[in-house]
Amino acid sequence: MKKQDSGSKPILSAKDTVVASDALKELFKDGIRDLYWAENHLVKNLPKMIASATAPALKNAIESHLTETKGHVARLEKVFELLGEKPVAKKCDAMEGLGKEGESIIQETEAGTATRDVGIILASQKVEHYEIASYSGLFQLANTLGLTEVADLLEQTLADEKLADTKLSDIAENEINYQAADEA
């Protein structure tokens, strides 16, 4: 039960703290379920991006990230195991929307052009930024909840996502953006 002290902040009893902690743990698990769906969705969608890309450097970067993404799925399955849960996905509306946006870019750009590759990079970086935000927040929350092994796994994936984003930026800045600017 909440009580007021002389200040304006309520004092939480031990029972209230446990309830809040359980709610926080459930929020954390929900975030993991969301990411599990998102990563599995990417495993299905990245081959479409690879097939639609033209620049060898971009194709290679996406192929490499597909391999990493399969590893991210396996890491999340390990997280579920550490949490004593079965791997269960919760539909990630954000990732579904980002996937549709990527498909739209492919449909609206000409095949074989650097302009399409620029669009693929933009769509891919939106995905990376969503993943970076999600993994960063869940990593911090795992630490707060004292889930050290889980936090370590999330931190590894967070590093992968940041590196993938940097690779995409480098490909865009050093090659593809200039090629697209020269297209008629």
N, C-alpha and C. Protein backbone atom coordinates (compact mmCIF):
# COMPACT_ATOMS: atom_id res chain seq x y z
N MET A 1 0.84 -1.17 0.00
CA MET A 1 0.00 0.00 0.00
C MET A 1 0.89 1.24 0.00
N LYS A 2 0.46 2.23 -0.77
CA LYS A 2 1.23 3.46 -0.86
C LYS A 2 0.84 4.40 0.26
N LYS A 3 1.83 4.98 0.86
CA LYS A 3 1.61 5.98 1.91
C LYS A 3 2.35 7.23 1.49
N GLN A 4 1.96 8.34 2.00
CA GLN A 4 2.64 9.59 1.72
C GLN A 4 3.56 9.93 2.89
N ASP A 5 4.76 10.36 2.57
CA ASP A 5 5.62 10.90 3.62
C ASP A 5 5.41 12.41 3.60
N SER A 6 6.23 13.13 4.31
CA SER A 6 6.05 14.57 4.38
C SER A 6 6.29 15.24 3.03
N GLY A 7 7.03 14.56 2.15
CA GLY A 7 7.22 15.07 0.79
C GLY A 7 6.09 14.61 -0.09
N SER A 8 6.23 14.76 -1.38
CA SER A 8 5.15 14.40 -2.29
C SER A 8 5.28 12.99 -2.87
N LYS A 9 6.39 12.31 -2.61
CA LYS A 9 6.58 10.98 -3.18
C LYS A 9 5.93 9.92 -2.30
N PRO A 10 5.23 8.96 -2.92
CA PRO A 10 4.64 7.88 -2.13
C PRO A 10 5.73 6.93 -1.65
N ILE A 11 5.49 6.33 -0.49
CA ILE A 11 6.40 5.32 0.04
C ILE A 11 5.82 3.97 -0.36
N LEU A 12 6.62 3.14 -0.98
CA LEU A 12 6.15 1.83 -1.42
C LEU A 12 6.45 0.79 -0.36
N SER A 13 5.49 -0.05 -0.11
CA SER A 13 5.72 -1.16 0.80
C SER A 13 6.46 -2.24 0.03
N ALA A 14 6.94 -3.28 0.73
CA ALA A 14 7.63 -4.40 0.09
C ALA A 14 6.73 -5.06 -0.94
N LYS A 15 5.45 -5.19 -0.64
CA LYS A 15 4.50 -5.81 -1.57
C LYS A 15 4.42 -5.00 -2.86
N ASP A 16 4.33 -3.67 -2.77
CA ASP A 16 4.26 -2.82 -3.95
C ASP A 16 5.53 -2.95 -4.79
N THR A 17 6.66 -3.05 -4.15
CA THR A 17 7.92 -3.18 -4.86
C THR A 17 7.95 -4.48 -5.66
N VAL A 18 7.50 -5.59 -5.07
CA VAL A 18 7.48 -6.87 -5.77
C VAL A 18 6.55 -6.80 -6.97
N VAL A 19 5.38 -6.19 -6.81
CA VAL A 19 4.44 -6.06 -7.91
C VAL A 19 5.07 -5.24 -9.04
N ALA A 20 5.69 -4.13 -8.69
CA ALA A 20 6.34 -3.32 -9.70
C ALA A 20 7.45 -4.11 -10.39
N SER A 21 8.20 -4.87 -9.64
CA SER A 21 9.27 -5.67 -10.21
C SER A 21 8.71 -6.73 -11.15
N ASP A 22 7.63 -7.39 -10.76
CA ASP A 22 7.00 -8.38 -11.63
C ASP A 22 6.50 -7.73 -12.91
N ALA A 23 5.92 -6.55 -12.79
CA ALA A 23 5.44 -5.83 -13.97
C ALA A 23 6.61 -5.47 -14.88
N LEU A 24 7.72 -5.06 -14.28
CA LEU A 24 8.89 -4.71 -15.06
C LEU A 24 9.47 -5.94 -15.76
N LYS A 25 9.51 -7.05 -15.05
CA LYS A 25 9.99 -8.29 -15.66
C LYS A 25 9.10 -8.71 -16.83
N GLU A 26 7.82 -8.55 -16.67
CA GLU A 26 6.89 -8.91 -17.76
C GLU A 26 7.07 -7.97 -18.95
N LEU A 27 7.28 -6.69 -18.69
CA LEU A 27 7.56 -5.74 -19.76
C LEU A 27 8.84 -6.14 -20.50
N PHE A 28 9.84 -6.55 -19.75
CA PHE A 28 11.10 -6.99 -20.34
C PHE A 28 10.87 -8.23 -21.23
N LYS A 29 10.17 -9.22 -20.71
CA LYS A 29 9.90 -10.44 -21.48
C LYS A 29 9.10 -10.11 -22.74
N ASP A 30 8.18 -9.19 -22.63
CA ASP A 30 7.40 -8.77 -23.79
C ASP A 30 8.30 -8.16 -24.86
N GLY A 31 9.29 -7.39 -24.43
CA GLY A 31 10.25 -6.81 -25.36
C GLY A 31 11.09 -7.87 -26.04
N ILE A 32 11.45 -8.91 -25.31
CA ILE A 32 12.22 -10.01 -25.88
C ILE A 32 11.36 -10.75 -26.92
N ARG A 33 10.10 -10.98 -26.59
CA ARG A 33 9.19 -11.65 -27.53
C ARG A 33 9.05 -10.84 -28.82
N ASP A 34 8.96 -9.53 -28.67
CA ASP A 34 8.85 -8.62 -29.80
C ASP A 34 10.09 -8.71 -30.69
N LEU A 35 11.26 -8.67 -30.07
CA LEU A 35 12.51 -8.78 -30.84
C LEU A 35 12.65 -10.15 -31.50
N TYR A 36 12.18 -11.17 -30.84
CA TYR A 36 12.25 -12.52 -31.41
C TYR A 36 11.43 -12.58 -32.70
N TRP A 37 10.26 -11.98 -32.69
CA TRP A 37 9.45 -11.92 -33.90
C TRP A 37 10.18 -11.10 -34.96
N ALA A 38 10.71 -9.95 -34.56
CA ALA A 38 11.38 -9.05 -35.50
C ALA A 38 12.57 -9.71 -36.17
N GLU A 39 13.40 -10.39 -35.39
CA GLU A 39 14.58 -11.05 -35.96
C GLU A 39 14.18 -12.18 -36.91
N ASN A 40 13.17 -12.95 -36.54
CA ASN A 40 12.69 -14.02 -37.42
C ASN A 40 12.09 -13.44 -38.71
N HIS A 41 11.43 -12.32 -38.60
CA HIS A 41 10.86 -11.63 -39.76
C HIS A 41 11.99 -11.19 -40.70
N LEU A 42 13.06 -10.68 -40.11
CA LEU A 42 14.20 -10.25 -40.92
C LEU A 42 14.85 -11.43 -41.65
N VAL A 43 14.93 -12.57 -41.00
CA VAL A 43 15.51 -13.76 -41.65
C VAL A 43 14.72 -14.08 -42.93
N LYS A 44 13.43 -13.83 -42.91
CA LYS A 44 12.60 -14.08 -44.09
C LYS A 44 12.71 -12.96 -45.13
N ASN A 45 12.89 -11.70 -44.67
CA ASN A 45 12.87 -10.56 -45.58
C ASN A 45 14.22 -10.17 -46.17
N LEU A 46 15.31 -10.44 -45.46
CA LEU A 46 16.61 -10.02 -45.98
C LEU A 46 16.96 -10.64 -47.33
N PRO A 47 16.60 -11.90 -47.60
CA PRO A 47 16.88 -12.43 -48.94
C PRO A 47 16.24 -11.62 -50.07
N LYS A 48 15.09 -11.00 -49.83
CA LYS A 48 14.45 -10.15 -50.84
C LYS A 48 15.32 -8.92 -51.09
N MET A 49 15.89 -8.38 -50.03
CA MET A 49 16.75 -7.20 -50.17
C MET A 49 18.03 -7.57 -50.93
N ILE A 50 18.58 -8.73 -50.61
CA ILE A 50 19.79 -9.18 -51.30
C ILE A 50 19.51 -9.32 -52.79
N ALA A 51 18.39 -9.95 -53.13
CA ALA A 51 18.03 -10.17 -54.53
C ALA A 51 17.78 -8.86 -55.27
N SER A 52 17.32 -7.83 -54.55
CA SER A 52 16.98 -6.55 -55.17
C SER A 52 18.16 -5.59 -55.25
N ALA A 53 19.19 -5.82 -54.47
CA ALA A 53 20.36 -4.93 -54.48
C ALA A 53 21.23 -5.21 -55.69
N THR A 54 21.96 -4.20 -56.13
CA THR A 54 22.84 -4.33 -57.29
C THR A 54 24.32 -4.29 -56.90
N ALA A 55 24.70 -3.33 -56.07
CA ALA A 55 26.11 -3.13 -55.72
C ALA A 55 26.63 -4.34 -54.94
N PRO A 56 27.75 -4.90 -55.37
CA PRO A 56 28.31 -6.05 -54.67
C PRO A 56 28.57 -5.79 -53.19
N ALA A 57 29.05 -4.61 -52.85
CA ALA A 57 29.33 -4.30 -51.44
C ALA A 57 28.05 -4.33 -50.62
N LEU A 58 26.95 -3.84 -51.19
CA LEU A 58 25.67 -3.85 -50.48
C LEU A 58 25.13 -5.27 -50.35
N LYS A 59 25.19 -6.04 -51.44
CA LYS A 59 24.76 -7.43 -51.38
C LYS A 59 25.53 -8.19 -50.30
N ASN A 60 26.85 -8.00 -50.28
CA ASN A 60 27.69 -8.68 -49.28
C ASN A 60 27.35 -8.26 -47.86
N ALA A 61 27.10 -6.98 -47.66
CA ALA A 61 26.77 -6.49 -46.32
C ALA A 61 25.45 -7.09 -45.84
N ILE A 62 24.46 -7.16 -46.72
CA ILE A 62 23.16 -7.71 -46.33
C ILE A 62 23.27 -9.22 -46.11
N GLU A 63 24.04 -9.90 -46.97
CA GLU A 63 24.25 -11.34 -46.78
C GLU A 63 24.92 -11.62 -45.44
N SER A 64 25.91 -10.82 -45.11
CA SER A 64 26.60 -10.96 -43.83
C SER A 64 25.63 -10.72 -42.67
N HIS A 65 24.79 -9.71 -42.83
CA HIS A 65 23.83 -9.42 -41.75
C HIS A 65 22.77 -10.51 -41.63
N LEU A 66 22.43 -11.14 -42.73
CA LEU A 66 21.48 -12.26 -42.66
C LEU A 66 22.06 -13.38 -41.79
N THR A 67 23.33 -13.68 -42.01
CA THR A 67 24.00 -14.70 -41.19
C THR A 67 24.00 -14.28 -39.73
N GLU A 68 24.33 -13.01 -39.46
CA GLU A 68 24.32 -12.50 -38.09
C GLU A 68 22.92 -12.57 -37.49
N THR A 69 21.91 -12.25 -38.28
CA THR A 69 20.53 -12.23 -37.79
C THR A 69 20.10 -13.62 -37.35
N LYS A 70 20.52 -14.63 -38.08
CA LYS A 70 20.23 -16.01 -37.66
C LYS A 70 20.88 -16.28 -36.30
N GLY A 71 22.06 -15.73 -36.09
CA GLY A 71 22.72 -15.82 -34.79
C GLY A 71 21.98 -15.05 -33.71
N HIS A 72 21.37 -13.93 -34.09
CA HIS A 72 20.59 -13.14 -33.14
C HIS A 72 19.36 -13.92 -32.67
N VAL A 73 18.75 -14.65 -33.60
CA VAL A 73 17.61 -15.50 -33.24
C VAL A 73 18.07 -16.54 -32.22
N ALA A 74 19.21 -17.16 -32.49
CA ALA A 74 19.74 -18.18 -31.56
C ALA A 74 20.05 -17.56 -30.19
N ARG A 75 20.60 -16.35 -30.18
CA ARG A 75 20.88 -15.68 -28.90
C ARG A 75 19.59 -15.41 -28.14
N LEU A 76 18.57 -14.97 -28.84
CA LEU A 76 17.31 -14.71 -28.17
C LEU A 76 16.71 -16.01 -27.62
N GLU A 77 16.90 -17.10 -28.33
CA GLU A 77 16.44 -18.40 -27.80
C GLU A 77 17.20 -18.75 -26.53
N LYS A 78 18.47 -18.39 -26.47
CA LYS A 78 19.25 -18.59 -25.24
C LYS A 78 18.73 -17.68 -24.13
N VAL A 79 18.34 -16.47 -24.48
CA VAL A 79 17.76 -15.55 -23.49
C VAL A 79 16.48 -16.17 -22.91
N PHE A 80 15.63 -16.69 -23.78
CA PHE A 80 14.40 -17.35 -23.29
C PHE A 80 14.77 -18.48 -22.33
N GLU A 81 15.77 -19.25 -22.69
CA GLU A 81 16.21 -20.37 -21.84
C GLU A 81 16.67 -19.85 -20.47
N LEU A 82 17.46 -18.79 -20.47
CA LEU A 82 17.94 -18.22 -19.21
C LEU A 82 16.79 -17.66 -18.36
N LEU A 83 15.73 -17.22 -19.03
CA LEU A 83 14.57 -16.70 -18.33
C LEU A 83 13.61 -17.81 -17.90
N GLY A 84 13.91 -19.05 -18.30
CA GLY A 84 13.04 -20.16 -17.97
C GLY A 84 11.75 -20.14 -18.78
N GLU A 85 11.82 -19.58 -19.96
CA GLU A 85 10.64 -19.44 -20.83
C GLU A 85 10.87 -20.20 -22.14
N LYS A 86 9.77 -20.59 -22.76
CA LYS A 86 9.83 -21.14 -24.12
C LYS A 86 9.91 -19.97 -25.09
N PRO A 87 10.67 -20.11 -26.18
CA PRO A 87 10.72 -19.03 -27.17
C PRO A 87 9.34 -18.81 -27.79
N VAL A 88 8.80 -17.64 -27.56
CA VAL A 88 7.50 -17.26 -28.09
C VAL A 88 7.64 -15.88 -28.71
N ALA A 89 7.17 -15.76 -29.95
CA ALA A 89 7.24 -14.48 -30.64
C ALA A 89 5.95 -13.69 -30.42
N LYS A 90 6.10 -12.39 -30.30
CA LYS A 90 4.96 -11.48 -30.26
C LYS A 90 5.10 -10.57 -31.47
N LYS A 91 4.08 -10.53 -32.30
CA LYS A 91 4.17 -9.74 -33.52
C LYS A 91 4.67 -8.33 -33.23
N CYS A 92 5.67 -7.95 -33.99
CA CYS A 92 6.28 -6.62 -33.86
C CYS A 92 5.74 -5.74 -34.98
N ASP A 93 4.79 -4.89 -34.63
CA ASP A 93 4.17 -4.02 -35.63
C ASP A 93 5.19 -3.07 -36.26
N ALA A 94 6.14 -2.62 -35.48
CA ALA A 94 7.16 -1.71 -36.00
C ALA A 94 7.99 -2.39 -37.08
N MET A 95 8.46 -3.60 -36.82
CA MET A 95 9.28 -4.29 -37.81
C MET A 95 8.45 -4.66 -39.04
N GLU A 96 7.21 -5.03 -38.82
CA GLU A 96 6.34 -5.33 -39.97
C GLU A 96 6.23 -4.09 -40.85
N GLY A 97 6.01 -2.93 -40.24
CA GLY A 97 5.90 -1.68 -40.99
C GLY A 97 7.18 -1.32 -41.71
N LEU A 98 8.31 -1.50 -41.04
CA LEU A 98 9.60 -1.21 -41.69
C LEU A 98 9.84 -2.16 -42.86
N GLY A 99 9.42 -3.40 -42.71
CA GLY A 99 9.55 -4.37 -43.81
C GLY A 99 8.71 -3.96 -45.01
N LYS A 100 7.49 -3.51 -44.75
CA LYS A 100 6.61 -3.06 -45.84
C LYS A 100 7.19 -1.83 -46.53
N GLU A 101 7.81 -0.96 -45.73
CA GLU A 101 8.43 0.23 -46.32
C GLU A 101 9.57 -0.17 -47.25
N GLY A 102 10.36 -1.15 -46.84
CA GLY A 102 11.44 -1.63 -47.70
C GLY A 102 10.92 -2.24 -48.99
N GLU A 103 9.86 -3.01 -48.88
CA GLU A 103 9.24 -3.61 -50.08
C GLU A 103 8.71 -2.53 -51.00
N SER A 104 8.14 -1.48 -50.44
CA SER A 104 7.62 -0.36 -51.22
C SER A 104 8.73 0.34 -51.98
N ILE A 105 9.87 0.53 -51.34
CA ILE A 105 11.01 1.17 -52.00
C ILE A 105 11.46 0.34 -53.20
N ILE A 106 11.49 -0.96 -53.02
CA ILE A 106 11.90 -1.84 -54.12
C ILE A 106 10.90 -1.73 -55.28
N GLN A 107 9.62 -1.69 -54.99
CA GLN A 107 8.60 -1.59 -56.03
C GLN A 107 8.63 -0.25 -56.75
N GLU A 108 9.02 0.79 -56.03
CA GLU A 108 8.94 2.15 -56.59
C GLU A 108 10.23 2.62 -57.25
N THR A 109 11.27 1.79 -57.23
CA THR A 109 12.54 2.19 -57.85
C THR A 109 12.87 1.21 -58.98
N GLU A 110 13.68 1.67 -59.89
CA GLU A 110 14.04 0.86 -61.06
C GLU A 110 15.09 -0.18 -60.69
N ALA A 111 14.84 -1.40 -61.11
CA ALA A 111 15.78 -2.50 -60.86
C ALA A 111 17.14 -2.19 -61.47
N GLY A 112 18.19 -2.60 -60.79
CA GLY A 112 19.55 -2.44 -61.30
C GLY A 112 20.13 -1.05 -61.15
N THR A 113 19.45 -0.17 -60.44
CA THR A 113 19.96 1.20 -60.30
C THR A 113 20.58 1.42 -58.93
N ALA A 114 21.49 2.38 -58.90
CA ALA A 114 22.08 2.79 -57.63
C ALA A 114 21.02 3.49 -56.77
N THR A 115 20.04 4.10 -57.41
CA THR A 115 18.96 4.74 -56.65
C THR A 115 18.21 3.70 -55.82
N ARG A 116 17.94 2.54 -56.41
CA ARG A 116 17.28 1.49 -55.64
C ARG A 116 18.19 1.07 -54.47
N ASP A 117 19.49 0.94 -54.73
CA ASP A 117 20.42 0.56 -53.66
C ASP A 117 20.41 1.59 -52.53
N VAL A 118 20.34 2.87 -52.87
CA VAL A 118 20.25 3.91 -51.84
C VAL A 118 18.98 3.71 -51.01
N GLY A 119 17.88 3.42 -51.69
CA GLY A 119 16.62 3.17 -50.98
C GLY A 119 16.71 1.96 -50.07
N ILE A 120 17.38 0.91 -50.54
CA ILE A 120 17.57 -0.30 -49.72
C ILE A 120 18.40 0.03 -48.49
N ILE A 121 19.43 0.84 -48.67
CA ILE A 121 20.25 1.25 -47.53
C ILE A 121 19.42 2.05 -46.53
N LEU A 122 18.64 3.01 -47.03
CA LEU A 122 17.80 3.82 -46.13
C LEU A 122 16.84 2.94 -45.34
N ALA A 123 16.18 2.03 -46.04
CA ALA A 123 15.23 1.13 -45.37
C ALA A 123 15.95 0.24 -44.37
N SER A 124 17.11 -0.26 -44.74
CA SER A 124 17.89 -1.13 -43.85
C SER A 124 18.36 -0.39 -42.62
N GLN A 125 18.76 0.86 -42.78
CA GLN A 125 19.21 1.62 -41.62
C GLN A 125 18.07 1.95 -40.67
N LYS A 126 16.88 2.13 -41.20
CA LYS A 126 15.73 2.32 -40.30
C LYS A 126 15.53 1.07 -39.44
N VAL A 127 15.69 -0.08 -40.06
CA VAL A 127 15.57 -1.35 -39.32
C VAL A 127 16.67 -1.42 -38.27
N GLU A 128 17.91 -1.11 -38.66
CA GLU A 128 19.02 -1.16 -37.71
C GLU A 128 18.78 -0.22 -36.54
N HIS A 129 18.28 0.97 -36.81
CA HIS A 129 18.07 1.94 -35.73
C HIS A 129 16.98 1.47 -34.79
N TYR A 130 15.95 0.83 -35.33
CA TYR A 130 14.91 0.25 -34.47
C TYR A 130 15.53 -0.83 -33.58
N GLU A 131 16.33 -1.69 -34.18
CA GLU A 131 16.96 -2.77 -33.41
C GLU A 131 17.93 -2.22 -32.37
N ILE A 132 18.71 -1.21 -32.75
CA ILE A 132 19.65 -0.61 -31.80
C ILE A 132 18.88 -0.04 -30.59
N ALA A 133 17.81 0.67 -30.85
CA ALA A 133 17.01 1.23 -29.76
C ALA A 133 16.43 0.12 -28.88
N SER A 134 15.92 -0.93 -29.51
CA SER A 134 15.30 -2.02 -28.76
C SER A 134 16.33 -2.78 -27.92
N TYR A 135 17.43 -3.17 -28.55
CA TYR A 135 18.45 -3.92 -27.82
C TYR A 135 19.09 -3.07 -26.73
N SER A 136 19.29 -1.79 -27.00
CA SER A 136 19.87 -0.90 -25.98
C SER A 136 18.98 -0.81 -24.76
N GLY A 137 17.70 -0.57 -24.98
CA GLY A 137 16.77 -0.46 -23.87
C GLY A 137 16.64 -1.76 -23.08
N LEU A 138 16.58 -2.88 -23.78
CA LEU A 138 16.45 -4.17 -23.10
C LEU A 138 17.75 -4.56 -22.39
N PHE A 139 18.88 -4.17 -22.96
CA PHE A 139 20.17 -4.41 -22.29
C PHE A 139 20.20 -3.66 -20.95
N GLN A 140 19.80 -2.40 -20.97
CA GLN A 140 19.77 -1.61 -19.74
C GLN A 140 18.80 -2.21 -18.73
N LEU A 141 17.65 -2.63 -19.21
CA LEU A 141 16.64 -3.22 -18.33
C LEU A 141 17.11 -4.55 -17.75
N ALA A 142 17.80 -5.36 -18.55
CA ALA A 142 18.35 -6.63 -18.05
C ALA A 142 19.33 -6.35 -16.91
N ASN A 143 20.15 -5.33 -17.07
CA ASN A 143 21.08 -4.97 -15.99
C ASN A 143 20.32 -4.52 -14.75
N THR A 144 19.29 -3.73 -14.92
CA THR A 144 18.48 -3.26 -13.80
C THR A 144 17.86 -4.44 -13.05
N LEU A 145 17.42 -5.45 -13.81
CA LEU A 145 16.77 -6.62 -13.22
C LEU A 145 17.78 -7.64 -12.69
N GLY A 146 19.07 -7.35 -12.85
CA GLY A 146 20.10 -8.26 -12.36
C GLY A 146 20.29 -9.49 -13.23
N LEU A 147 19.89 -9.42 -14.48
CA LEU A 147 20.00 -10.54 -15.42
C LEU A 147 21.31 -10.41 -16.22
N THR A 148 22.41 -10.65 -15.55
CA THR A 148 23.74 -10.39 -16.11
C THR A 148 24.01 -11.19 -17.38
N GLU A 149 23.73 -12.48 -17.37
CA GLU A 149 23.98 -13.31 -18.56
C GLU A 149 23.12 -12.87 -19.73
N VAL A 150 21.88 -12.53 -19.44
CA VAL A 150 20.98 -12.04 -20.48
C VAL A 150 21.50 -10.72 -21.03
N ALA A 151 21.92 -9.84 -20.14
CA ALA A 151 22.46 -8.54 -20.57
C ALA A 151 23.68 -8.73 -21.47
N ASP A 152 24.53 -9.68 -21.15
CA ASP A 152 25.71 -9.94 -21.97
C ASP A 152 25.32 -10.36 -23.39
N LEU A 153 24.32 -11.22 -23.50
CA LEU A 153 23.86 -11.66 -24.82
C LEU A 153 23.25 -10.50 -25.60
N LEU A 154 22.45 -9.69 -24.93
CA LEU A 154 21.84 -8.53 -25.60
C LEU A 154 22.90 -7.52 -26.04
N GLU A 155 23.91 -7.36 -25.22
CA GLU A 155 25.00 -6.43 -25.56
C GLU A 155 25.76 -6.89 -26.79
N GLN A 156 25.96 -8.19 -26.94
CA GLN A 156 26.64 -8.73 -28.12
C GLN A 156 25.85 -8.40 -29.39
N THR A 157 24.54 -8.60 -29.32
CA THR A 157 23.71 -8.31 -30.48
C THR A 157 23.66 -6.82 -30.75
N LEU A 158 23.60 -6.02 -29.71
CA LEU A 158 23.62 -4.57 -29.87
C LEU A 158 24.87 -4.14 -30.62
N ALA A 159 26.01 -4.71 -30.29
CA ALA A 159 27.26 -4.38 -30.99
C ALA A 159 27.17 -4.76 -32.47
N ASP A 160 26.58 -5.93 -32.76
CA ASP A 160 26.40 -6.36 -34.15
C ASP A 160 25.54 -5.37 -34.93
N GLU A 161 24.46 -4.92 -34.30
CA GLU A 161 23.53 -4.00 -34.97
C GLU A 161 24.20 -2.65 -35.25
N LYS A 162 24.98 -2.18 -34.31
CA LYS A 162 25.69 -0.91 -34.51
C LYS A 162 26.70 -1.03 -35.64
N LEU A 163 27.40 -2.16 -35.70
CA LEU A 163 28.37 -2.38 -36.76
C LEU A 163 27.69 -2.47 -38.13
N ALA A 164 26.55 -3.14 -38.19
CA ALA A 164 25.81 -3.25 -39.46
C ALA A 164 25.39 -1.85 -39.93
N ASP A 165 24.94 -1.02 -39.03
CA ASP A 165 24.55 0.34 -39.37
C ASP A 165 25.74 1.13 -39.91
N THR A 166 26.88 0.99 -39.27
CA THR A 166 28.10 1.68 -39.72
C THR A 166 28.52 1.21 -41.11
N LYS A 167 28.44 -0.10 -41.35
CA LYS A 167 28.79 -0.63 -42.68
C LYS A 167 27.89 -0.05 -43.76
N LEU A 168 26.59 0.02 -43.46
CA LEU A 168 25.66 0.57 -44.44
C LEU A 168 25.97 2.05 -44.72
N SER A 169 26.28 2.80 -43.68
CA SER A 169 26.65 4.21 -43.87
C SER A 169 27.89 4.35 -44.73
N ASP A 170 28.88 3.51 -44.46
CA ASP A 170 30.12 3.56 -45.24
C ASP A 170 29.88 3.25 -46.71
N ILE A 171 29.07 2.24 -46.99
CA ILE A 171 28.76 1.88 -48.37
C ILE A 171 28.04 3.04 -49.07
N ALA A 172 27.09 3.64 -48.37
CA ALA A 172 26.35 4.76 -48.96
C ALA A 172 27.27 5.96 -49.20
N GLU A 173 28.02 6.35 -48.19
CA GLU A 173 28.85 7.55 -48.26
C GLU A 173 30.02 7.42 -49.23
N ASN A 174 30.58 6.23 -49.35
CA ASN A 174 31.79 6.06 -50.15
C ASN A 174 31.54 5.55 -51.56
N GLU A 175 30.30 5.22 -51.88
CA GLU A 175 30.08 4.60 -53.18
C GLU A 175 28.70 4.89 -53.76
N ILE A 176 27.68 4.32 -53.17
CA ILE A 176 26.38 4.24 -53.82
C ILE A 176 25.69 5.59 -53.96
N ASN A 177 25.78 6.45 -52.97
CA ASN A 177 25.12 7.75 -53.09
C ASN A 177 25.65 8.53 -54.30
N TYR A 178 26.95 8.45 -54.54
CA TYR A 178 27.55 9.17 -55.68
C TYR A 178 27.11 8.56 -57.00
N GLN A 179 27.03 7.24 -57.04
CA GLN A 179 26.56 6.58 -58.26
C GLN A 179 25.12 6.97 -58.55
N ALA A 180 24.29 7.02 -57.53
CA ALA A 180 22.88 7.39 -57.72
C ALA A 180 22.76 8.84 -58.17
N ALA A 181 23.61 9.70 -57.67
CA ALA A 181 23.57 11.11 -58.07
C ALA A 181 23.91 11.28 -59.55
N ASP A 182 24.69 10.36 -60.11
CA ASP A 182 25.09 10.45 -61.53
C ASP A 182 24.11 9.77 -62.47
N GLU A 183 23.10 9.09 -61.92
CA GLU A 183 22.13 8.43 -62.80
C GLU A 183 21.23 9.46 -63.45
N ALA A 184 20.84 9.15 -64.67
CA ALA A 184 19.99 10.09 -65.43
C ALA A 184 18.59 10.16 -64.88
